[in-house]
Amino acid sequence: MHLTKKCLSQIAIAATTVFSLSAVNATEIPEGYNTPIPGYITTPDKVESRLGTLNFFDGVPTKETSATLLENLNFLRGVEAFLNGVPMASIHGLTKGFASIGATEANHIIVTDKLMDSNPLFLTANTDTVYVFNSFDLKKTGPLNN
């Protein structure tokens, strides 16, 4: 399709007219459209936090703020991974402790004949409970049946 200079100039005039009319109409907001947003629900340009000052432009974090938030998120995920591993570390420690006193087979049990105190170094032991423990290695025993 080949456009002549006259056709191109008419397109340019039409586009200019449309854009200038749009600019005029943009200042006249129709009723019920573009409801004003209360300032208290928008993102401020600056937020003071325990991480320092976080800066935003039109609700979008700056590059520096994004880097700070990502670093904090990575740190929090590391803490979460550590905390999620504590129960398994406790169970591993228990089975090692059981083995150290001879409870190495699936049919061996340990009964605490005294209430717990701080000596056994259990992470979550109650001081008013008698415990019965058992541990086994399914690789060694295979499935356990009644």
N, C-alpha and C. Protein backbone atom coordinates (compact mmCIF):
# COMPACT_ATOMS: atom_id res chain seq x y z
N MET A 1 0.85 -1.17 0.00
CA MET A 1 0.00 0.00 0.00
C MET A 1 0.90 1.24 0.00
N HIS A 2 0.65 2.10 -0.94
CA HIS A 2 1.47 3.30 -1.08
C HIS A 2 0.62 4.51 -0.69
N LEU A 3 1.09 5.29 0.33
CA LEU A 3 0.36 6.46 0.78
C LEU A 3 0.98 7.71 0.17
N THR A 4 0.13 8.59 -0.33
CA THR A 4 0.63 9.85 -0.91
C THR A 4 0.90 10.84 0.20
N LYS A 5 1.63 11.91 -0.14
CA LYS A 5 1.93 12.94 0.84
C LYS A 5 0.65 13.58 1.35
N LYS A 6 -0.32 13.76 0.45
CA LYS A 6 -1.59 14.37 0.84
C LYS A 6 -2.32 13.48 1.85
N CYS A 7 -2.31 12.18 1.60
CA CYS A 7 -2.97 11.22 2.49
C CYS A 7 -2.28 11.21 3.85
N LEU A 8 -0.95 11.23 3.86
CA LEU A 8 -0.19 11.24 5.12
C LEU A 8 -0.47 12.51 5.92
N SER A 9 -0.57 13.65 5.24
CA SER A 9 -0.82 14.90 5.96
C SER A 9 -2.24 14.90 6.53
N GLN A 10 -3.20 14.29 5.84
CA GLN A 10 -4.56 14.21 6.37
C GLN A 10 -4.61 13.29 7.61
N ILE A 11 -3.84 12.20 7.57
CA ILE A 11 -3.76 11.30 8.72
C ILE A 11 -3.15 12.04 9.91
N ALA A 12 -2.10 12.82 9.67
CA ALA A 12 -1.43 13.57 10.73
C ALA A 12 -2.38 14.59 11.34
N ILE A 13 -3.15 15.29 10.49
CA ILE A 13 -4.12 16.28 11.01
C ILE A 13 -5.19 15.58 11.84
N ALA A 14 -5.68 14.44 11.37
CA ALA A 14 -6.72 13.69 12.09
C ALA A 14 -6.18 13.22 13.45
N ALA A 15 -4.95 12.70 13.46
CA ALA A 15 -4.36 12.21 14.70
C ALA A 15 -4.16 13.35 15.69
N THR A 16 -3.69 14.50 15.19
CA THR A 16 -3.50 15.67 16.06
C THR A 16 -4.82 16.12 16.66
N THR A 17 -5.85 16.12 15.85
CA THR A 17 -7.18 16.52 16.33
C THR A 17 -7.68 15.56 17.40
N VAL A 18 -7.52 14.26 17.16
CA VAL A 18 -7.96 13.26 18.14
C VAL A 18 -7.20 13.42 19.45
N PHE A 19 -5.88 13.58 19.37
CA PHE A 19 -5.08 13.71 20.58
C PHE A 19 -5.42 14.99 21.34
N SER A 20 -5.64 16.08 20.62
CA SER A 20 -5.96 17.33 21.32
C SER A 20 -7.35 17.27 21.93
N LEU A 21 -8.29 16.61 21.26
CA LEU A 21 -9.63 16.44 21.85
C LEU A 21 -9.56 15.55 23.08
N SER A 22 -8.70 14.51 23.02
CA SER A 22 -8.54 13.61 24.16
C SER A 22 -7.99 14.38 25.35
N ALA A 23 -7.05 15.27 25.12
CA ALA A 23 -6.46 16.03 26.20
C ALA A 23 -7.50 16.94 26.85
N VAL A 24 -8.36 17.54 26.04
CA VAL A 24 -9.40 18.40 26.58
C VAL A 24 -10.39 17.57 27.38
N ASN A 25 -10.79 16.42 26.85
CA ASN A 25 -11.78 15.58 27.52
C ASN A 25 -11.21 14.92 28.77
N ALA A 26 -9.89 14.74 28.84
CA ALA A 26 -9.28 14.08 29.99
C ALA A 26 -9.46 14.92 31.25
N THR A 27 -9.57 16.24 31.10
CA THR A 27 -9.75 17.09 32.28
C THR A 27 -11.20 17.08 32.75
N GLU A 28 -12.12 16.67 31.91
CA GLU A 28 -13.53 16.60 32.28
C GLU A 28 -13.88 15.15 32.59
N ILE A 29 -13.70 14.75 33.86
CA ILE A 29 -13.93 13.36 34.26
C ILE A 29 -15.42 13.13 34.43
N PRO A 30 -15.98 12.15 33.69
CA PRO A 30 -17.41 11.88 33.82
C PRO A 30 -17.76 11.40 35.23
N GLU A 31 -18.95 11.72 35.69
CA GLU A 31 -19.45 11.29 37.00
C GLU A 31 -19.41 9.77 37.09
N GLY A 32 -18.93 9.21 38.22
CA GLY A 32 -18.90 7.77 38.43
C GLY A 32 -17.66 7.07 37.90
N TYR A 33 -16.79 7.81 37.25
CA TYR A 33 -15.55 7.22 36.73
C TYR A 33 -14.37 7.87 37.43
N ASN A 34 -13.29 7.11 37.57
CA ASN A 34 -12.06 7.64 38.18
C ASN A 34 -12.34 8.20 39.57
N THR A 35 -12.94 7.38 40.40
CA THR A 35 -13.23 7.78 41.77
C THR A 35 -11.93 8.15 42.47
N PRO A 36 -11.90 9.26 43.16
CA PRO A 36 -10.68 9.64 43.88
C PRO A 36 -10.31 8.57 44.90
N ILE A 37 -9.03 8.22 44.96
CA ILE A 37 -8.55 7.19 45.88
C ILE A 37 -8.03 7.88 47.13
N PRO A 38 -8.53 7.48 48.31
CA PRO A 38 -8.04 8.10 49.55
C PRO A 38 -6.54 7.87 49.72
N GLY A 39 -5.84 8.90 50.14
CA GLY A 39 -4.39 8.82 50.30
C GLY A 39 -3.93 7.77 51.29
N TYR A 40 -4.78 7.47 52.31
CA TYR A 40 -4.35 6.52 53.34
C TYR A 40 -4.29 5.08 52.85
N ILE A 41 -4.80 4.78 51.65
CA ILE A 41 -4.68 3.40 51.15
C ILE A 41 -3.68 3.28 50.01
N THR A 42 -3.05 4.37 49.64
CA THR A 42 -2.04 4.31 48.59
C THR A 42 -0.67 4.08 49.21
N THR A 43 0.28 3.65 48.40
CA THR A 43 1.65 3.45 48.89
C THR A 43 2.33 4.81 48.99
N PRO A 44 2.84 5.15 50.17
CA PRO A 44 3.54 6.43 50.30
C PRO A 44 4.87 6.38 49.54
N ASP A 45 5.43 7.55 49.31
CA ASP A 45 6.73 7.61 48.62
C ASP A 45 7.87 7.12 49.49
N LYS A 46 7.67 7.14 50.82
CA LYS A 46 8.73 6.76 51.74
C LYS A 46 8.10 6.04 52.93
N VAL A 47 8.70 4.90 53.31
CA VAL A 47 8.23 4.14 54.47
C VAL A 47 9.44 3.87 55.36
N GLU A 48 9.31 4.26 56.64
CA GLU A 48 10.36 3.96 57.61
C GLU A 48 10.07 2.57 58.18
N SER A 49 11.08 1.70 58.19
CA SER A 49 10.89 0.33 58.67
C SER A 49 12.14 -0.11 59.43
N ARG A 50 12.09 -1.31 60.01
CA ARG A 50 13.26 -1.82 60.71
C ARG A 50 14.41 -2.09 59.74
N LEU A 51 14.10 -2.14 58.43
CA LEU A 51 15.14 -2.33 57.41
C LEU A 51 15.74 -1.01 56.96
N GLY A 52 15.19 0.08 57.46
CA GLY A 52 15.62 1.41 57.04
C GLY A 52 14.51 2.07 56.24
N THR A 53 14.86 3.10 55.49
CA THR A 53 13.88 3.83 54.70
C THR A 53 13.66 3.09 53.37
N LEU A 54 12.40 2.79 53.09
CA LEU A 54 12.03 2.16 51.82
C LEU A 54 11.38 3.23 50.94
N ASN A 55 11.89 3.38 49.73
CA ASN A 55 11.41 4.42 48.82
C ASN A 55 10.60 3.81 47.68
N PHE A 56 9.53 4.54 47.30
CA PHE A 56 8.62 4.10 46.24
C PHE A 56 8.36 5.25 45.29
N PHE A 57 8.10 4.93 44.04
CA PHE A 57 7.69 5.92 43.06
C PHE A 57 6.40 5.42 42.43
N ASP A 58 5.32 6.13 42.62
CA ASP A 58 4.00 5.73 42.12
C ASP A 58 3.62 4.33 42.60
N GLY A 59 3.98 4.01 43.85
CA GLY A 59 3.64 2.72 44.43
C GLY A 59 4.59 1.60 44.09
N VAL A 60 5.59 1.88 43.26
CA VAL A 60 6.55 0.85 42.84
C VAL A 60 7.85 1.07 43.60
N PRO A 61 8.40 0.00 44.21
CA PRO A 61 9.65 0.20 44.96
C PRO A 61 10.80 0.57 44.02
N THR A 62 11.70 1.41 44.54
CA THR A 62 12.89 1.76 43.76
C THR A 62 13.80 0.54 43.67
N LYS A 63 14.80 0.62 42.83
CA LYS A 63 15.74 -0.49 42.66
C LYS A 63 16.42 -0.83 44.00
N GLU A 64 16.82 0.19 44.75
CA GLU A 64 17.49 -0.03 46.04
C GLU A 64 16.53 -0.68 47.04
N THR A 65 15.29 -0.20 47.07
CA THR A 65 14.29 -0.77 47.98
C THR A 65 13.99 -2.21 47.62
N SER A 66 13.88 -2.50 46.31
CA SER A 66 13.65 -3.88 45.88
C SER A 66 14.79 -4.79 46.32
N ALA A 67 16.01 -4.32 46.19
CA ALA A 67 17.17 -5.12 46.60
C ALA A 67 17.15 -5.36 48.11
N THR A 68 16.81 -4.34 48.88
CA THR A 68 16.73 -4.48 50.35
C THR A 68 15.65 -5.49 50.73
N LEU A 69 14.49 -5.38 50.10
CA LEU A 69 13.38 -6.29 50.42
C LEU A 69 13.70 -7.72 50.01
N LEU A 70 14.37 -7.90 48.86
CA LEU A 70 14.74 -9.25 48.43
C LEU A 70 15.76 -9.87 49.38
N GLU A 71 16.72 -9.06 49.82
CA GLU A 71 17.72 -9.56 50.77
C GLU A 71 17.04 -9.98 52.07
N ASN A 72 16.09 -9.18 52.55
CA ASN A 72 15.36 -9.52 53.78
C ASN A 72 14.52 -10.78 53.58
N LEU A 73 13.86 -10.90 52.43
CA LEU A 73 13.05 -12.08 52.15
C LEU A 73 13.92 -13.34 52.12
N ASN A 74 15.09 -13.25 51.50
CA ASN A 74 16.01 -14.40 51.47
C ASN A 74 16.46 -14.77 52.88
N PHE A 75 16.73 -13.76 53.72
CA PHE A 75 17.12 -14.02 55.10
C PHE A 75 15.99 -14.73 55.84
N LEU A 76 14.76 -14.23 55.69
CA LEU A 76 13.62 -14.83 56.37
C LEU A 76 13.38 -16.26 55.91
N ARG A 77 13.58 -16.52 54.64
CA ARG A 77 13.42 -17.90 54.13
C ARG A 77 14.50 -18.81 54.71
N GLY A 78 15.70 -18.29 54.90
CA GLY A 78 16.76 -19.08 55.54
C GLY A 78 16.42 -19.41 56.98
N VAL A 79 15.88 -18.41 57.70
CA VAL A 79 15.46 -18.65 59.09
C VAL A 79 14.35 -19.69 59.12
N GLU A 80 13.39 -19.57 58.20
CA GLU A 80 12.29 -20.53 58.14
C GLU A 80 12.79 -21.95 57.84
N ALA A 81 13.74 -22.06 56.91
CA ALA A 81 14.30 -23.38 56.60
C ALA A 81 14.99 -23.98 57.82
N PHE A 82 15.74 -23.14 58.55
CA PHE A 82 16.39 -23.62 59.77
C PHE A 82 15.36 -24.10 60.78
N LEU A 83 14.35 -23.27 61.05
CA LEU A 83 13.34 -23.63 62.05
C LEU A 83 12.55 -24.87 61.64
N ASN A 84 12.29 -25.03 60.35
CA ASN A 84 11.58 -26.23 59.89
C ASN A 84 12.44 -27.48 60.04
N GLY A 85 13.76 -27.32 60.09
CA GLY A 85 14.65 -28.46 60.26
C GLY A 85 14.87 -28.88 61.70
N VAL A 86 14.49 -28.03 62.66
CA VAL A 86 14.72 -28.33 64.08
C VAL A 86 14.05 -29.63 64.51
N PRO A 87 12.77 -29.87 64.17
CA PRO A 87 12.17 -31.14 64.60
C PRO A 87 12.91 -32.38 64.07
N MET A 88 13.33 -32.34 62.82
CA MET A 88 14.05 -33.49 62.26
C MET A 88 15.41 -33.64 62.92
N ALA A 89 16.07 -32.54 63.21
CA ALA A 89 17.36 -32.61 63.92
C ALA A 89 17.16 -33.21 65.31
N SER A 90 16.05 -32.85 65.96
CA SER A 90 15.74 -33.41 67.27
C SER A 90 15.53 -34.92 67.18
N ILE A 91 14.76 -35.35 66.20
CA ILE A 91 14.50 -36.79 66.03
C ILE A 91 15.81 -37.54 65.72
N HIS A 92 16.64 -36.95 64.89
CA HIS A 92 17.93 -37.57 64.57
C HIS A 92 18.78 -37.71 65.84
N GLY A 93 18.81 -36.65 66.64
CA GLY A 93 19.55 -36.70 67.91
C GLY A 93 19.00 -37.76 68.84
N LEU A 94 17.66 -37.89 68.88
CA LEU A 94 17.05 -38.92 69.73
C LEU A 94 17.49 -40.32 69.29
N THR A 95 17.42 -40.59 68.00
CA THR A 95 17.79 -41.94 67.54
C THR A 95 19.27 -42.23 67.79
N LYS A 96 20.13 -41.23 67.64
CA LYS A 96 21.55 -41.41 67.95
C LYS A 96 21.73 -41.70 69.44
N GLY A 97 20.99 -40.96 70.28
CA GLY A 97 21.05 -41.19 71.73
C GLY A 97 20.54 -42.57 72.10
N PHE A 98 19.45 -43.01 71.47
CA PHE A 98 18.90 -44.35 71.74
C PHE A 98 19.94 -45.41 71.41
N ALA A 99 20.58 -45.26 70.26
CA ALA A 99 21.59 -46.23 69.84
C ALA A 99 22.77 -46.25 70.82
N SER A 100 23.10 -45.09 71.38
CA SER A 100 24.25 -45.04 72.29
C SER A 100 24.01 -45.80 73.59
N ILE A 101 22.74 -46.06 73.93
CA ILE A 101 22.46 -46.85 75.13
C ILE A 101 21.92 -48.23 74.79
N GLY A 102 22.08 -48.64 73.51
CA GLY A 102 21.78 -50.01 73.12
C GLY A 102 20.44 -50.24 72.43
N ALA A 103 19.62 -49.22 72.26
CA ALA A 103 18.34 -49.40 71.58
C ALA A 103 18.56 -49.26 70.08
N THR A 104 18.96 -50.39 69.45
CA THR A 104 19.33 -50.36 68.03
C THR A 104 18.38 -51.13 67.13
N GLU A 105 17.46 -51.88 67.70
CA GLU A 105 16.55 -52.71 66.90
C GLU A 105 15.12 -52.20 67.04
N ALA A 106 14.27 -52.57 66.10
CA ALA A 106 12.89 -52.12 66.09
C ALA A 106 12.11 -52.61 67.32
N ASN A 107 12.54 -53.72 67.92
CA ASN A 107 11.82 -54.24 69.09
C ASN A 107 12.38 -53.73 70.42
N HIS A 108 13.32 -52.80 70.36
CA HIS A 108 13.86 -52.20 71.57
C HIS A 108 13.06 -50.94 71.89
N ILE A 109 12.70 -50.79 73.16
CA ILE A 109 12.02 -49.55 73.57
C ILE A 109 12.75 -48.97 74.77
N ILE A 110 12.55 -47.68 74.94
CA ILE A 110 13.12 -46.97 76.08
C ILE A 110 11.95 -46.38 76.86
N VAL A 111 11.91 -46.63 78.16
CA VAL A 111 10.89 -46.07 79.03
C VAL A 111 11.58 -45.17 80.03
N THR A 112 11.12 -43.94 80.15
CA THR A 112 11.69 -43.05 81.16
C THR A 112 11.00 -43.37 82.48
N ASP A 113 11.74 -43.96 83.40
CA ASP A 113 11.16 -44.36 84.68
C ASP A 113 11.10 -43.20 85.67
N LYS A 114 11.69 -42.08 85.32
CA LYS A 114 11.62 -40.88 86.14
C LYS A 114 11.11 -39.74 85.25
N LEU A 115 10.54 -38.74 85.86
CA LEU A 115 10.10 -37.57 85.09
C LEU A 115 11.30 -36.82 84.55
N MET A 116 11.11 -36.14 83.46
CA MET A 116 12.21 -35.43 82.81
C MET A 116 12.67 -34.23 83.62
N ASP A 117 13.96 -33.95 83.50
CA ASP A 117 14.53 -32.69 83.96
C ASP A 117 15.43 -32.22 82.83
N SER A 118 16.36 -31.33 83.09
CA SER A 118 17.19 -30.80 82.00
C SER A 118 18.35 -31.71 81.62
N ASN A 119 18.61 -32.77 82.34
CA ASN A 119 19.76 -33.63 82.06
C ASN A 119 19.70 -34.35 80.71
N PRO A 120 18.55 -34.88 80.26
CA PRO A 120 18.57 -35.62 79.00
C PRO A 120 18.74 -34.76 77.74
N LEU A 121 18.63 -33.45 77.85
CA LEU A 121 18.82 -32.53 76.72
C LEU A 121 17.78 -32.72 75.60
N PHE A 122 16.57 -33.10 75.93
CA PHE A 122 15.50 -33.15 74.94
C PHE A 122 15.07 -31.73 74.60
N LEU A 123 14.74 -31.49 73.34
CA LEU A 123 14.34 -30.14 72.95
C LEU A 123 12.98 -29.76 73.50
N THR A 124 12.04 -30.71 73.56
CA THR A 124 10.67 -30.35 73.92
C THR A 124 10.06 -31.28 74.96
N ALA A 125 10.86 -31.81 75.85
CA ALA A 125 10.33 -32.76 76.84
C ALA A 125 9.54 -32.03 77.92
N ASN A 126 8.46 -32.67 78.37
CA ASN A 126 7.67 -32.16 79.49
C ASN A 126 8.21 -32.75 80.78
N THR A 127 8.10 -32.01 81.87
CA THR A 127 8.61 -32.49 83.15
C THR A 127 7.57 -33.29 83.93
N ASP A 128 6.38 -33.48 83.36
CA ASP A 128 5.33 -34.22 84.06
C ASP A 128 4.82 -35.42 83.26
N THR A 129 5.66 -35.93 82.35
CA THR A 129 5.24 -37.01 81.45
C THR A 129 6.24 -38.16 81.51
N VAL A 130 5.73 -39.38 81.59
CA VAL A 130 6.58 -40.56 81.44
C VAL A 130 6.58 -40.90 79.95
N TYR A 131 7.76 -41.07 79.37
CA TYR A 131 7.87 -41.30 77.94
C TYR A 131 8.24 -42.74 77.63
N VAL A 132 7.75 -43.22 76.47
CA VAL A 132 8.17 -44.50 75.90
C VAL A 132 8.66 -44.18 74.49
N PHE A 133 9.89 -44.56 74.19
CA PHE A 133 10.49 -44.24 72.90
C PHE A 133 10.84 -45.51 72.14
N ASN A 134 10.83 -45.38 70.82
CA ASN A 134 11.25 -46.46 69.94
C ASN A 134 11.72 -45.81 68.64
N SER A 135 12.71 -46.36 68.04
CA SER A 135 13.08 -45.91 66.70
C SER A 135 13.54 -47.11 65.91
N PHE A 136 13.40 -47.02 64.61
CA PHE A 136 13.78 -48.15 63.75
C PHE A 136 14.15 -47.62 62.38
N ASP A 137 14.87 -48.44 61.67
CA ASP A 137 15.35 -48.11 60.33
C ASP A 137 14.62 -49.00 59.33
N LEU A 138 13.73 -48.42 58.55
CA LEU A 138 12.95 -49.22 57.61
C LEU A 138 13.82 -49.83 56.51
N LYS A 139 14.97 -49.25 56.24
CA LYS A 139 15.89 -49.88 55.29
C LYS A 139 16.41 -51.20 55.85
N LYS A 140 16.57 -51.22 57.17
CA LYS A 140 17.08 -52.41 57.84
C LYS A 140 15.97 -53.44 58.08
N THR A 141 14.80 -52.98 58.53
CA THR A 141 13.73 -53.91 58.93
C THR A 141 12.72 -54.20 57.84
N GLY A 142 12.61 -53.31 56.86
CA GLY A 142 11.51 -53.42 55.90
C GLY A 142 10.24 -52.96 56.58
N PRO A 143 9.08 -53.15 55.93
CA PRO A 143 7.82 -52.73 56.54
C PRO A 143 7.57 -53.46 57.85
N LEU A 144 7.02 -52.76 58.83
CA LEU A 144 6.70 -53.34 60.12
C LEU A 144 5.22 -53.71 60.13
N ASN A 145 4.92 -54.97 60.44
CA ASN A 145 3.54 -55.46 60.49
C ASN A 145 3.19 -55.83 61.91
N ASN A 146 1.88 -55.97 62.18
CA ASN A 146 1.42 -56.38 63.53
C ASN A 146 1.91 -57.76 63.84
